[in-house]
Amino acid sequence: MPVTVDIAQGEALYARSCAACHGANLEAQPDWRTPDAEGRLPAPPHDETGHTWHHPDRVLFQYTKLGGREALALQGVEFDSGMPAFGDVLTHREIWNILAYIQSTWPERERAMQAERTAADLANGGT
C-alpha cells in the first residue's frame, strides 16, 4: 500500500464503485456464502465478518484491479468469481484508497492480523 492514502476519497469511491454489490455498510449481498443460479457466490462483506481481512494487500489489490477470476488464476485457482475488474475504471491510487477505507473500518484485531499477513507476503516475495 502506498505510504499516503486518502481514506475519505476511498470512502467516496467505495460508495460509487463497490457499495452496489458489497453493501453501503460493507455488509455483503444476502446469502453471500451460497452460490446463485449460475454457481457464483454473491459479493461477500468487507467488514470484519467477512474474509477480506484474511488476505494480504497484494491479493486485495490484484482482486480489485484484475477481477476475481484473473486474480485467483495468478494464485493457481480456477474459480468463476463474479468480481469484475476495476483496473480500467480506477487508478492504482484510487484502488489503494478504497482498500485503506475498508481496512479503516475493521477492529484493531483484524487490522493487526491483516497487516501481519501483508508483512509475511512481502517477506515471501509478494509485491
Protein backbone atom coordinates (compact mmCIF):
# COMPACT_ATOMS: atom_id res chain seq x y z
CA MET A 1 0.00 0.00 0.00
CA PRO A 2 1.32 3.48 -0.77
CA VAL A 3 2.69 5.47 2.15
CA THR A 4 -0.04 8.08 1.81
CA VAL A 5 -3.65 7.17 1.30
CA ASP A 6 -6.83 9.23 1.30
CA ILE A 7 -9.41 7.37 3.36
CA ALA A 8 -12.11 9.98 2.70
CA GLN A 9 -11.63 9.60 -1.05
CA GLY A 10 -11.61 5.82 -0.56
CA GLU A 11 -14.95 6.01 1.22
CA ALA A 12 -16.46 8.09 -1.58
CA LEU A 13 -15.05 5.76 -4.25
CA TYR A 14 -16.31 2.72 -2.32
CA ALA A 15 -19.81 4.24 -2.26
CA ARG A 16 -19.65 4.85 -6.01
CA SER A 17 -17.89 1.69 -7.20
CA CYS A 18 -18.35 -1.05 -4.59
CA ALA A 19 -21.41 -0.47 -2.41
CA ALA A 20 -23.93 -1.63 -5.02
CA CYS A 21 -22.63 -5.18 -4.61
CA HIS A 22 -20.82 -5.23 -1.26
CA GLY A 23 -23.28 -3.02 0.63
CA ALA A 24 -23.21 0.58 1.77
CA ASN A 25 -22.03 -0.61 5.18
CA LEU A 26 -19.66 -3.29 3.81
CA GLU A 27 -22.27 -5.90 4.81
CA ALA A 28 -22.43 -8.11 1.66
CA GLN A 29 -25.20 -9.37 -0.53
CA PRO A 30 -27.77 -11.68 1.09
CA ASP A 31 -26.72 -15.31 1.42
CA TRP A 32 -23.17 -14.47 0.32
CA ARG A 33 -21.93 -17.97 1.21
CA THR A 34 -24.46 -19.70 -1.07
CA PRO A 35 -23.85 -19.88 -4.84
CA ASP A 36 -26.50 -18.30 -7.06
CA ALA A 37 -28.23 -19.96 -10.04
CA GLU A 38 -25.06 -19.51 -12.18
CA GLY A 39 -22.90 -21.06 -9.45
CA ARG A 40 -21.30 -17.77 -8.43
CA LEU A 41 -21.04 -16.64 -4.87
CA PRO A 42 -22.72 -13.30 -4.12
CA ALA A 43 -20.48 -10.40 -3.08
CA PRO A 44 -19.03 -11.01 0.41
CA PRO A 45 -18.86 -8.48 3.23
CA HIS A 46 -15.80 -6.29 3.61
CA ASP A 47 -16.38 -5.70 7.30
CA GLU A 48 -14.81 -7.94 9.94
CA THR A 49 -17.48 -10.63 9.45
CA GLY A 50 -16.13 -11.47 6.01
CA HIS A 51 -12.82 -12.82 4.78
CA THR A 52 -11.32 -9.71 3.18
CA TRP A 53 -9.02 -9.18 6.15
CA HIS A 54 -7.67 -12.73 5.70
CA HIS A 55 -5.79 -11.63 2.57
CA PRO A 56 -2.59 -9.58 2.19
CA ASP A 57 -2.69 -6.20 0.50
CA ARG A 58 -1.22 -7.58 -2.74
CA VAL A 59 -4.07 -10.06 -3.16
CA LEU A 60 -6.74 -7.46 -2.36
CA PHE A 61 -5.21 -5.05 -4.86
CA GLN A 62 -4.98 -7.71 -7.59
CA TYR A 63 -8.55 -8.86 -6.94
CA THR A 64 -9.81 -5.31 -7.37
CA LYS A 65 -7.63 -4.39 -10.33
CA LEU A 66 -7.83 -7.64 -12.32
CA GLY A 67 -11.17 -9.02 -11.16
CA GLY A 68 -11.70 -12.18 -9.18
CA ARG A 69 -11.19 -14.76 -11.89
CA GLU A 70 -7.86 -13.29 -13.09
CA ALA A 71 -6.54 -12.61 -9.59
CA LEU A 72 -7.31 -16.16 -8.50
CA ALA A 73 -5.73 -17.56 -11.67
CA LEU A 74 -2.47 -15.85 -10.62
CA GLN A 75 -2.65 -17.97 -7.47
CA GLY A 76 -3.32 -21.13 -9.45
CA VAL A 77 -7.00 -21.24 -8.53
CA GLU A 78 -9.67 -21.68 -11.17
CA PHE A 79 -12.88 -20.11 -9.88
CA ASP A 80 -15.70 -18.25 -11.61
CA SER A 81 -15.76 -15.20 -9.38
CA GLY A 82 -18.37 -12.55 -10.01
CA MET A 83 -15.95 -9.77 -9.06
CA PRO A 84 -15.34 -7.57 -12.12
CA ALA A 85 -12.01 -5.94 -12.92
CA PHE A 86 -11.69 -2.28 -12.00
CA GLY A 87 -8.22 -1.68 -13.48
CA ASP A 88 -9.69 0.27 -16.40
CA VAL A 89 -12.05 2.25 -14.17
CA LEU A 90 -9.94 3.12 -11.12
CA THR A 91 -6.33 4.25 -10.86
CA HIS A 92 -3.90 2.33 -8.68
CA ARG A 93 -4.07 5.10 -6.08
CA GLU A 94 -7.89 5.00 -6.09
CA ILE A 95 -7.82 1.24 -5.52
CA TRP A 96 -5.38 1.69 -2.62
CA ASN A 97 -7.61 4.43 -1.18
CA ILE A 98 -10.64 2.14 -1.31
CA LEU A 99 -8.69 -0.65 0.39
CA ALA A 100 -7.46 1.80 3.05
CA TYR A 101 -11.04 2.88 3.70
CA ILE A 102 -12.22 -0.72 4.05
CA GLN A 103 -9.32 -1.53 6.38
CA SER A 104 -10.04 1.57 8.47
CA THR A 105 -13.42 0.12 9.41
CA TRP A 106 -12.02 -3.11 10.87
CA PRO A 107 -11.49 -3.60 14.59
CA GLU A 108 -7.87 -3.47 15.75
CA ARG A 109 -7.53 -7.28 15.93
CA GLU A 110 -8.48 -7.77 12.27
CA ARG A 111 -6.32 -4.84 11.14
CA ALA A 112 -3.33 -6.26 13.00
CA MET A 113 -3.84 -9.78 11.64
CA GLN A 114 -4.19 -8.49 8.07
CA ALA A 115 -1.06 -6.35 8.48
CA GLU A 116 0.84 -9.45 9.65
CA ARG A 117 -0.34 -11.36 6.58
CA THR A 118 0.76 -8.49 4.35
CA ALA A 119 4.19 -8.38 6.00
CA ALA A 120 4.59 -12.16 5.61
CA ASP A 121 3.53 -11.93 1.96
CA LEU A 122 6.11 -9.20 1.30
CA ALA A 123 8.80 -11.22 3.11
CA ASN A 124 7.98 -14.16 0.81
CA GLY A 125 8.40 -12.12 -2.36
CA GLY A 126 4.94 -10.60 -2.80
CA THR A 127 4.99 -7.15 -4.32
